[in-house]
């Protein structure tokens, strides 16, 4: 099972509302990590695109080129890997946002009772 499928299973089969605040705080904190990882994935994708464009330009000008993904066999694997990495972070972010929402809702309920 992939990491994204595992997180999706957790998301779909866990009642976050039944978790204590401490657990929800830990889950809510995942949003920072997910955001950072998505930024890293985006940077990797930009750099790969830059390498491919640069390599294609060298090839057109008859210069030495590395042949980055020239035959296309590695492209599907690369794209599937990047998609899985991004989907994993999306699932983590989804869990984190829901946990944060529950925490804020609980706090508003406590404030309303004591306010």
Protein backbone atom coordinates (compact mmCIF):
# COMPACT_ATOMS: atom_id res chain seq x y z
CA UNK A 1 0.00 0.00 0.00
CA UNK A 2 1.38 3.39 -0.93
CA UNK A 3 1.87 6.18 1.58
CA UNK A 4 -0.98 8.19 0.09
CA UNK A 5 -3.31 5.17 0.20
CA UNK A 6 -2.35 4.57 3.84
CA UNK A 7 -3.13 8.17 4.77
CA UNK A 8 -6.38 8.05 2.81
CA UNK A 9 -7.35 4.86 4.66
CA UNK A 10 -6.56 6.58 7.97
CA UNK A 11 -8.56 9.64 6.94
CA UNK A 12 -11.57 7.59 5.84
CA UNK A 13 -11.57 5.22 8.81
CA UNK A 14 -10.71 7.45 11.73
CA UNK A 15 -13.16 9.63 13.57
CA UNK A 16 -10.88 12.58 14.26
CA UNK A 17 -13.50 14.04 16.56
CA UNK A 18 -12.99 11.16 18.96
CA UNK A 19 -9.29 11.92 19.39
CA UNK A 20 -7.98 13.92 22.35
CA UNK A 21 -6.73 17.46 21.82
CA UNK A 22 -3.07 16.42 22.10
CA UNK A 23 -3.44 13.94 19.24
CA UNK A 24 -5.31 16.49 17.14
CA UNK A 25 -2.58 19.06 17.76
CA UNK A 26 0.02 16.58 16.52
CA UNK A 27 -2.04 15.86 13.41
CA UNK A 28 -2.74 19.56 12.81
CA UNK A 29 1.01 20.23 12.88
CA UNK A 30 1.37 17.95 9.83
CA UNK A 31 0.22 20.85 7.67
CA UNK A 32 3.59 22.58 8.09
CA UNK A 33 5.46 19.48 6.95
CA UNK A 34 3.08 18.84 4.07
CA UNK A 35 3.42 22.40 2.83
CA UNK A 36 7.20 22.17 2.96
CA UNK A 37 7.22 18.86 1.11
CA UNK A 38 4.89 20.18 -1.59
CA UNK A 39 7.23 23.14 -2.07
CA UNK A 40 10.15 20.69 -2.38
CA UNK A 41 8.29 18.57 -4.93
CA UNK A 42 7.40 21.68 -6.93
CA UNK A 43 11.05 22.76 -6.93
CA UNK A 44 12.17 19.32 -8.11
CA UNK A 45 9.61 19.46 -10.91
CA UNK A 46 10.80 22.93 -11.97
CA UNK A 47 14.42 21.80 -12.02
CA UNK A 48 13.63 18.65 -14.00
CA UNK A 49 11.72 20.78 -16.50
CA UNK A 50 14.68 23.14 -16.74
CA UNK A 51 17.08 20.26 -17.38
CA UNK A 52 14.88 18.84 -20.10
CA UNK A 53 14.43 22.22 -21.81
CA UNK A 54 18.15 22.93 -21.60
CA UNK A 55 19.02 19.51 -22.96
CA UNK A 56 16.57 19.89 -25.84
CA UNK A 57 18.12 23.26 -26.71
CA UNK A 58 21.61 21.78 -26.74
CA UNK A 59 20.46 18.95 -28.96
CA UNK A 60 18.83 21.37 -31.44
CA UNK A 61 22.03 23.43 -31.63
CA UNK A 62 24.15 20.31 -32.15
CA UNK A 63 25.88 20.76 -28.80
CA UNK A 64 26.67 18.06 -26.27
CA UNK A 65 23.58 17.10 -24.34
CA UNK A 66 22.93 14.66 -21.53
CA UNK A 67 19.92 12.99 -23.09
CA UNK A 68 17.65 13.67 -20.12
CA UNK A 69 14.63 11.42 -20.58
CA UNK A 70 15.46 11.34 -24.28
CA UNK A 71 13.99 7.94 -25.01
CA UNK A 72 10.95 8.52 -22.83
CA UNK A 73 11.18 5.22 -20.93
CA UNK A 74 11.86 6.98 -17.63
CA UNK A 75 9.11 9.57 -17.98
CA UNK A 76 6.16 7.49 -16.70
CA UNK A 77 8.12 6.31 -13.66
CA UNK A 78 9.20 9.85 -12.87
CA UNK A 79 5.68 11.23 -13.25
CA UNK A 80 4.09 8.44 -11.19
CA UNK A 81 6.67 9.02 -8.44
CA UNK A 82 6.04 12.76 -8.36
CA UNK A 83 2.26 12.26 -8.43
CA UNK A 84 2.45 9.81 -5.50
CA UNK A 85 4.69 12.16 -3.54
CA UNK A 86 2.26 15.04 -4.10
CA UNK A 87 -0.82 12.90 -3.32
CA UNK A 88 0.77 11.79 -0.05
CA UNK A 89 1.22 15.40 1.00
CA UNK A 90 -2.32 16.27 -0.08
CA UNK A 91 -3.68 13.48 2.12
CA UNK A 92 -1.52 14.62 5.06
CA UNK A 93 -2.69 18.19 4.56
CA UNK A 94 -6.33 17.07 4.42
CA UNK A 95 -5.96 15.27 7.76
CA UNK A 96 -4.11 18.22 9.30
CA UNK A 97 -6.72 20.76 8.20
CA UNK A 98 -9.57 18.61 9.56
CA UNK A 99 -7.75 18.12 12.87
CA UNK A 100 -7.16 21.86 13.15
CA UNK A 101 -10.83 22.56 12.38
CA UNK A 102 -11.95 20.18 15.14
CA UNK A 103 -9.55 21.80 17.62
CA UNK A 104 -10.80 25.29 16.79
CA UNK A 105 -14.41 24.15 17.00
CA UNK A 106 -13.77 22.62 20.42
CA UNK A 107 -12.12 25.83 21.60
CA UNK A 108 -15.04 27.94 20.38
CA UNK A 109 -17.45 25.62 22.18
CA UNK A 110 -15.43 25.95 25.42
CA UNK A 111 -15.26 29.72 25.03
CA UNK A 112 -19.02 29.92 24.44
CA UNK A 113 -19.71 27.92 27.60
CA UNK A 114 -17.43 30.08 29.71
CA UNK A 115 -18.08 33.39 28.00
